[in-house]
PDB file of N, CA and C in Angstrom:
ATOM      1  N   MET A   1       0.843  -1.178   0.000  1.00  0.00           N
ATOM      2  CA  MET A   1       0.000   0.000   0.000  1.00  0.00           C
ATOM      3  C   MET A   1       0.892   1.247   0.000  1.00  0.00           C
ATOM      4  N   SER A   2       0.626   2.139  -0.886  1.00  0.00           N
ATOM      5  CA  SER A   2       1.420   3.352  -1.034  1.00  0.00           C
ATOM      6  C   SER A   2       0.824   4.460  -0.166  1.00  0.00           C
ATOM      7  N   LEU A   3       1.692   5.258   0.483  1.00  0.00           N
ATOM      8  CA  LEU A   3       1.211   6.372   1.302  1.00  0.00           C
ATOM      9  C   LEU A   3       1.144   7.672   0.508  1.00  0.00           C
ATOM     10  N   GLY A   4       1.256   7.603  -0.779  1.00  0.00           N
ATOM     11  CA  GLY A   4       1.236   8.794  -1.610  1.00  0.00           C
ATOM     12  C   GLY A   4      -0.171   9.272  -1.927  1.00  0.00           C
ATOM     13  N   GLY A   5      -1.184   8.472  -1.701  1.00  0.00           N
ATOM     14  CA  GLY A   5      -2.554   8.840  -2.036  1.00  0.00           C
ATOM     15  C   GLY A   5      -3.219   9.656  -0.941  1.00  0.00           C
ATOM     16  N   PRO A   6      -4.554   9.724  -0.982  1.00  0.00           N
ATOM     17  CA  PRO A   6      -5.297  10.514  -0.005  1.00  0.00           C
ATOM     18  C   PRO A   6      -5.113   9.998   1.423  1.00  0.00           C
ATOM     19  N   LEU A   7      -4.944   8.696   1.562  1.00  0.00           N
ATOM     20  CA  LEU A   7      -4.731   8.135   2.893  1.00  0.00           C
ATOM     21  C   LEU A   7      -3.392   8.607   3.460  1.00  0.00           C
ATOM     22  N   GLY A   8      -2.392   8.792   2.625  1.00  0.00           N
ATOM     23  CA  GLY A   8      -1.087   9.277   3.063  1.00  0.00           C
ATOM     24  C   GLY A   8      -1.159  10.695   3.596  1.00  0.00           C
ATOM     25  N   SER A   9      -1.976  11.528   2.986  1.00  0.00           N
ATOM     26  CA  SER A   9      -2.152  12.904   3.455  1.00  0.00           C
ATOM     27  C   SER A   9      -2.786  12.920   4.837  1.00  0.00           C
ATOM     28  N   TRP A  10      -3.767  12.069   5.064  1.00  0.00           N
ATOM     29  CA  TRP A  10      -4.419  11.986   6.368  1.00  0.00           C
ATOM     30  C   TRP A  10      -3.447  11.471   7.419  1.00  0.00           C
ATOM     31  N   ALA A  11      -2.599  10.552   7.043  1.00  0.00           N
ATOM     32  CA  ALA A  11      -1.622  10.005   7.978  1.00  0.00           C
ATOM     33  C   ALA A  11      -0.627  11.091   8.394  1.00  0.00           C
ATOM     34  N   LYS A  12      -0.183  11.893   7.451  1.00  0.00           N
ATOM     35  CA  LYS A  12       0.730  12.993   7.779  1.00  0.00           C
ATOM     36  C   LYS A  12       0.040  14.016   8.668  1.00  0.00           C
ATOM     37  N   PHE A  13      -1.197  14.367   8.325  1.00  0.00           N
ATOM     38  CA  PHE A  13      -1.941  15.346   9.105  1.00  0.00           C
ATOM     39  C   PHE A  13      -2.201  14.835  10.521  1.00  0.00           C
ATOM     40  N   SER A  14      -2.595  13.581  10.632  1.00  0.00           N
ATOM     41  CA  SER A  14      -2.910  13.034  11.949  1.00  0.00           C
ATOM     42  C   SER A  14      -1.669  12.879  12.816  1.00  0.00           C
ATOM     43  N   SER A  15      -0.509  12.790  12.220  1.00  0.00           N
ATOM     44  CA  SER A  15       0.720  12.725  13.018  1.00  0.00           C
ATOM     45  C   SER A  15       1.143  14.112  13.494  1.00  0.00           C
ATOM     46  N   LEU A  16       0.718  15.162  12.834  1.00  0.00           N
ATOM     47  CA  LEU A  16       1.054  16.525  13.247  1.00  0.00           C
ATOM     48  C   LEU A  16       0.109  17.063  14.314  1.00  0.00           C
ATOM     49  N   VAL A  17      -1.107  16.556  14.365  1.00  0.00           N
ATOM     50  CA  VAL A  17      -2.104  17.068  15.307  1.00  0.00           C
ATOM     51  C   VAL A  17      -1.640  16.944  16.758  1.00  0.00           C
ATOM     52  N   PRO A  18      -1.139  15.800  17.220  1.00  0.00           N
ATOM     53  CA  PRO A  18      -0.686  15.728  18.617  1.00  0.00           C
ATOM     54  C   PRO A  18       0.435  16.722  18.937  1.00  0.00           C
ATOM     55  N   MET A  19       1.338  16.923  17.983  1.00  0.00           N
ATOM     56  CA  MET A  19       2.418  17.875  18.213  1.00  0.00           C
ATOM     57  C   MET A  19       1.868  19.295  18.324  1.00  0.00           C
ATOM     58  N   LEU A  20       0.923  19.650  17.489  1.00  0.00           N
ATOM     59  CA  LEU A  20       0.320  20.977  17.564  1.00  0.00           C
ATOM     60  C   LEU A  20      -0.438  21.175  18.868  1.00  0.00           C
ATOM     61  N   VAL A  21      -1.165  20.158  19.297  1.00  0.00           N
ATOM     62  CA  VAL A  21      -1.897  20.235  20.563  1.00  0.00           C
ATOM     63  C   VAL A  21      -0.923  20.399  21.721  1.00  0.00           C
ATOM     64  N   LEU A  22       0.186  19.678  21.686  1.00  0.00           N
ATOM     65  CA  LEU A  22       1.198  19.796  22.724  1.00  0.00           C
ATOM     66  C   LEU A  22       1.787  21.200  22.766  1.00  0.00           C
ATOM     67  N   LEU A  23       2.115  21.758  21.619  1.00  0.00           N
ATOM     68  CA  LEU A  23       2.684  23.108  21.566  1.00  0.00           C
ATOM     69  C   LEU A  23       1.699  24.154  22.075  1.00  0.00           C
ATOM     70  N   VAL A  24       0.441  24.041  21.690  1.00  0.00           N
ATOM     71  CA  VAL A  24      -0.570  24.982  22.173  1.00  0.00           C
ATOM     72  C   VAL A  24      -0.731  24.839  23.686  1.00  0.00           C
ATOM     73  N   GLY A  25      -0.731  23.607  24.179  1.00  0.00           N
ATOM     74  CA  GLY A  25      -0.841  23.381  25.618  1.00  0.00           C
ATOM     75  C   GLY A  25       0.325  23.975  26.383  1.00  0.00           C
ATOM     76  N   LEU A  26       1.531  23.778  25.881  1.00  0.00           N
ATOM     77  CA  LEU A  26       2.710  24.353  26.541  1.00  0.00           C
ATOM     78  C   LEU A  26       2.677  25.878  26.523  1.00  0.00           C
ATOM     79  N   PHE A  27       2.237  26.453  25.431  1.00  0.00           N
ATOM     80  CA  PHE A  27       2.114  27.906  25.348  1.00  0.00           C
ATOM     81  C   PHE A  27       1.100  28.419  26.375  1.00  0.00           C
ATOM     82  N   CYS A  28      -0.026  27.747  26.509  1.00  0.00           N
ATOM     83  CA  CYS A  28      -1.059  28.157  27.469  1.00  0.00           C
ATOM     84  C   CYS A  28      -0.556  28.026  28.908  1.00  0.00           C
ATOM     85  N   ILE A  29       0.164  26.941  29.198  1.00  0.00           N
ATOM     86  CA  ILE A  29       0.705  26.761  30.544  1.00  0.00           C
ATOM     87  C   ILE A  29       1.705  27.864  30.862  1.00  0.00           C
ATOM     88  N   ASP A  30       2.562  28.214  29.909  1.00  0.00           N
ATOM     89  CA  ASP A  30       3.543  29.278  30.116  1.00  0.00           C
ATOM     90  C   ASP A  30       2.848  30.613  30.375  1.00  0.00           C
ATOM     91  N   ALA A  31       1.816  30.910  29.601  1.00  0.00           N
ATOM     92  CA  ALA A  31       1.088  32.169  29.784  1.00  0.00           C
ATOM     93  C   ALA A  31       0.403  32.214  31.151  1.00  0.00           C
ATOM     94  N   MET A  32      -0.160  31.088  31.572  1.00  0.00           N
ATOM     95  CA  MET A  32      -0.830  31.056  32.875  1.00  0.00           C
ATOM     96  C   MET A  32       0.182  31.215  34.008  1.00  0.00           C
ATOM     97  N   GLN A  33       1.354  30.606  33.891  1.00  0.00           N
ATOM     98  CA  GLN A  33       2.374  30.745  34.924  1.00  0.00           C
ATOM     99  C   GLN A  33       2.889  32.178  35.002  1.00  0.00           C
ATOM    100  N   ASP A  34       3.074  32.816  33.850  1.00  0.00           N
ATOM    101  CA  ASP A  34       3.501  34.216  33.848  1.00  0.00           C
ATOM    102  C   ASP A  34       2.470  35.099  34.545  1.00  0.00           C
ATOM    103  N   GLN A  35       1.193  34.861  34.262  1.00  0.00           N
ATOM    104  CA  GLN A  35       0.133  35.640  34.899  1.00  0.00           C
ATOM    105  C   GLN A  35       0.099  35.373  36.402  1.00  0.00           C
ATOM    106  N   PHE A  36       0.303  34.127  36.794  1.00  0.00           N
ATOM    107  CA  PHE A  36       0.315  33.774  38.211  1.00  0.00           C
ATOM    108  C   PHE A  36       1.457  34.486  38.934  1.00  0.00           C
ATOM    109  N   ARG A  37       2.634  34.497  38.317  1.00  0.00           N
ATOM    110  CA  ARG A  37       3.784  35.188  38.920  1.00  0.00           C
ATOM    111  C   ARG A  37       3.529  36.685  39.023  1.00  0.00           C
ATOM    112  N   ALA A  38       2.945  37.264  38.003  1.00  0.00           N
ATOM    113  CA  ALA A  38       2.647  38.698  38.031  1.00  0.00           C
ATOM    114  C   ALA A  38       1.631  39.015  39.121  1.00  0.00           C
ATOM    115  N   ASP A  39       0.635  38.156  39.288  1.00  0.00           N
ATOM    116  CA  ASP A  39      -0.355  38.359  40.349  1.00  0.00           C
ATOM    117  C   ASP A  39       0.290  38.258  41.732  1.00  0.00           C
ATOM    118  N   GLU A  40       1.199  37.287  41.903  1.00  0.00           N
ATOM    119  CA  GLU A  40       1.893  37.152  43.187  1.00  0.00           C
ATOM    120  C   GLU A  40       2.728  38.392  43.491  1.00  0.00           C
ATOM    121  N   LEU A  41       3.467  38.882  42.497  1.00  0.00           N
ATOM    122  CA  LEU A  41       4.284  40.078  42.707  1.00  0.00           C
ATOM    123  C   LEU A  41       3.421  41.298  42.992  1.00  0.00           C
ATOM    124  N   ALA A  42       2.284  41.396  42.335  1.00  0.00           N
ATOM    125  CA  ALA A  42       1.375  42.516  42.591  1.00  0.00           C
ATOM    126  C   ALA A  42       0.835  42.443  44.009  1.00  0.00           C
ATOM    127  N   ASP A  43       0.526  41.252  44.485  1.00  0.00           N
ATOM    128  CA  ASP A  43       0.043  41.107  45.864  1.00  0.00           C
ATOM    129  C   ASP A  43       1.107  41.534  46.872  1.00  0.00           C
ATOM    130  N   VAL A  44       2.360  41.161  46.610  1.00  0.00           N
ATOM    131  CA  VAL A  44       3.455  41.560  47.496  1.00  0.00           C
ATOM    132  C   VAL A  44       3.616  43.081  47.462  1.00  0.00           C
ATOM    133  N   ASP A  45       3.553  43.674  46.289  1.00  0.00           N
ATOM    134  CA  ASP A  45       3.666  45.128  46.181  1.00  0.00           C
ATOM    135  C   ASP A  45       2.557  45.830  46.945  1.00  0.00           C
ATOM    136  N   VAL A  46       1.343  45.325  46.824  1.00  0.00           N
ATOM    137  CA  VAL A  46       0.214  45.932  47.541  1.00  0.00           C
ATOM    138  C   VAL A  46       0.442  45.847  49.044  1.00  0.00           C
ATOM    139  N   GLU A  47       0.911  44.697  49.504  1.00  0.00           N
ATOM    140  CA  GLU A  47       1.168  44.538  50.938  1.00  0.00           C
ATOM    141  C   GLU A  47       2.258  45.497  51.409  1.00  0.00           C
ATOM    142  N   LEU A  48       3.313  45.631  50.609  1.00  0.00           N
ATOM    143  CA  LEU A  48       4.404  46.525  51.003  1.00  0.00           C
ATOM    144  C   LEU A  48       3.986  47.985  50.974  1.00  0.00           C
ATOM    145  N   LEU A  49       3.222  48.358  49.977  1.00  0.00           N
ATOM    146  CA  LEU A  49       2.845  49.766  49.833  1.00  0.00           C
ATOM    147  C   LEU A  49       1.754  50.190  50.790  1.00  0.00           C
ATOM    148  N   THR A  50       0.945  49.263  51.241  1.00  0.00           N
ATOM    149  CA  THR A  50      -0.140  49.639  52.158  1.00  0.00           C
ATOM    150  C   THR A  50       0.222  49.397  53.613  1.00  0.00           C
ATOM    151  N   ALA A  51       1.353  48.745  53.865  1.00  0.00           N
ATOM    152  CA  ALA A  51       1.777  48.493  55.239  1.00  0.00           C
ATOM    153  C   ALA A  51       2.286  49.798  55.858  1.00  0.00           C
ATOM    154  N   GLU A  52       2.099  49.910  57.139  1.00  0.00           N
ATOM    155  CA  GLU A  52       2.553  51.098  57.847  1.00  0.00           C
ATOM    156  C   GLU A  52       4.045  50.968  58.128  1.00  0.00           C
ATOM    157  N   LEU A  53       4.801  51.997  57.811  1.00  0.00           N
ATOM    158  CA  LEU A  53       6.246  51.979  58.032  1.00  0.00           C
ATOM    159  C   LEU A  53       6.571  52.615  59.373  1.00  0.00           C
ATOM    160  N   PRO A  54       7.495  52.022  60.097  1.00  0.00           N
ATOM    161  CA  PRO A  54       7.949  52.676  61.328  1.00  0.00           C
ATOM    162  C   PRO A  54       8.819  53.883  60.961  1.00  0.00           C
ATOM    163  N   PRO A  55       8.878  54.883  61.814  1.00  0.00           N
ATOM    164  CA  PRO A  55       9.677  56.082  61.502  1.00  0.00           C
ATOM    165  C   PRO A  55      11.149  55.780  61.220  1.00  0.00           C
ATOM    166  N   VAL A  56      11.694  54.735  61.803  1.00  0.00           N
ATOM    167  CA  VAL A  56      13.097  54.383  61.599  1.00  0.00           C
ATOM    168  C   VAL A  56      13.342  53.981  60.138  1.00  0.00           C
ATOM    169  N   ALA A  57      12.328  53.468  59.458  1.00  0.00           N
ATOM    170  CA  ALA A  57      12.495  53.008  58.071  1.00  0.00           C
ATOM    171  C   ALA A  57      12.859  54.166  57.143  1.00  0.00           C
ATOM    172  N   TYR A  58      12.375  55.362  57.444  1.00  0.00           N
ATOM    173  CA  TYR A  58      12.664  56.506  56.572  1.00  0.00           C
ATOM    174  C   TYR A  58      14.115  56.950  56.665  1.00  0.00           C
ATOM    175  N   THR A  59      14.817  56.600  57.721  1.00  0.00           N
ATOM    176  CA  THR A  59      16.228  56.970  57.863  1.00  0.00           C
ATOM    177  C   THR A  59      17.160  55.852  57.426  1.00  0.00           C
ATOM    178  N   ASP A  60      16.625  54.717  57.061  1.00  0.00           N
ATOM    179  CA  ASP A  60      17.437  53.583  56.635  1.00  0.00           C
ATOM    180  C   ASP A  60      18.089  53.892  55.289  1.00  0.00           C
ATOM    181  N   PRO A  61      19.413  53.689  55.157  1.00  0.00           N
ATOM    182  CA  PRO A  61      20.093  53.978  53.886  1.00  0.00           C
ATOM    183  C   PRO A  61      19.547  53.155  52.716  1.00  0.00           C
ATOM    184  N   GLY A  62      19.167  51.929  52.962  1.00  0.00           N
ATOM    185  CA  GLY A  62      18.608  51.093  51.904  1.00  0.00           C
ATOM    186  C   GLY A  62      17.281  51.634  51.389  1.00  0.00           C
ATOM    187  N   PHE A  63      16.465  52.161  52.290  1.00  0.00           N
ATOM    188  CA  PHE A  63      15.181  52.735  51.890  1.00  0.00           C
ATOM    189  C   PHE A  63      15.393  54.008  51.077  1.00  0.00           C
ATOM    190  N   ILE A  64      16.356  54.817  51.484  1.00  0.00           N
ATOM    191  CA  ILE A  64      16.665  56.043  50.744  1.00  0.00           C
ATOM    192  C   ILE A  64      17.177  55.688  49.346  1.00  0.00           C
ATOM    193  N   GLN A  65      18.038  54.666  49.247  1.00  0.00           N
ATOM    194  CA  GLN A  65      18.533  54.219  47.938  1.00  0.00           C
ATOM    195  C   GLN A  65      17.382  53.707  47.070  1.00  0.00           C
ATOM    196  N   PHE A  66      16.452  52.976  47.699  1.00  0.00           N
ATOM    197  CA  PHE A  66      15.282  52.482  46.979  1.00  0.00           C
ATOM    198  C   PHE A  66      14.462  53.643  46.432  1.00  0.00           C
ATOM    199  N   LEU A  67      14.260  54.674  47.223  1.00  0.00           N
ATOM    200  CA  LEU A  67      13.491  55.830  46.752  1.00  0.00           C
ATOM    201  C   LEU A  67      14.204  56.530  45.605  1.00  0.00           C
ATOM    202  N   ARG A  68      15.522  56.637  45.681  1.00  0.00           N
ATOM    203  CA  ARG A  68      16.287  57.269  44.599  1.00  0.00           C
ATOM    204  C   ARG A  68      16.203  56.452  43.311  1.00  0.00           C
ATOM    205  N   SER A  69      16.314  55.142  43.437  1.00  0.00           N
ATOM    206  CA  SER A  69      16.287  54.300  42.226  1.00  0.00           C
ATOM    207  C   SER A  69      14.910  54.268  41.590  1.00  0.00           C
ATOM    208  N   THR A  70      13.850  54.316  42.381  1.00  0.00           N
ATOM    209  CA  THR A  70      12.498  54.317  41.797  1.00  0.00           C
ATOM    210  C   THR A  70      12.144  55.679  41.223  1.00  0.00           C
ATOM    211  N   ALA A  71      12.773  56.742  41.740  1.00  0.00           N
ATOM    212  CA  ALA A  71      12.495  58.067  41.195  1.00  0.00           C
ATOM    213  C   ALA A  71      13.069  58.214  39.789  1.00  0.00           C
ATOM    214  N   ARG A  72      14.181  57.509  39.489  1.00  0.00           N
ATOM    215  CA  ARG A  72      14.785  57.545  38.165  1.00  0.00           C
ATOM    216  C   ARG A  72      13.957  56.755  37.147  1.00  0.00           C
ATOM    217  N   ASP A  73      13.288  55.724  37.606  1.00  0.00           N
ATOM    218  CA  ASP A  73      12.508  54.868  36.697  1.00  0.00           C
ATOM    219  C   ASP A  73      11.284  55.595  36.321  1.00  0.00           C
TER     220      ASP A  73
END
């Protein structure tokens, strides 16, 4: 039996379908993980920005450096 006819085309197509499904699935998983990481970082930022700072934090050299670096961005 020759695979050059119409049955051969279906065989080639059916062998590509699982690979395409796998690639689409991996792309979707990557996008969901990126969104999950962004949501986690946003939650941490919200917690940090809404938390009350003690007065000593404003004199901390690291905090002053952080304010300088964010002012440039």
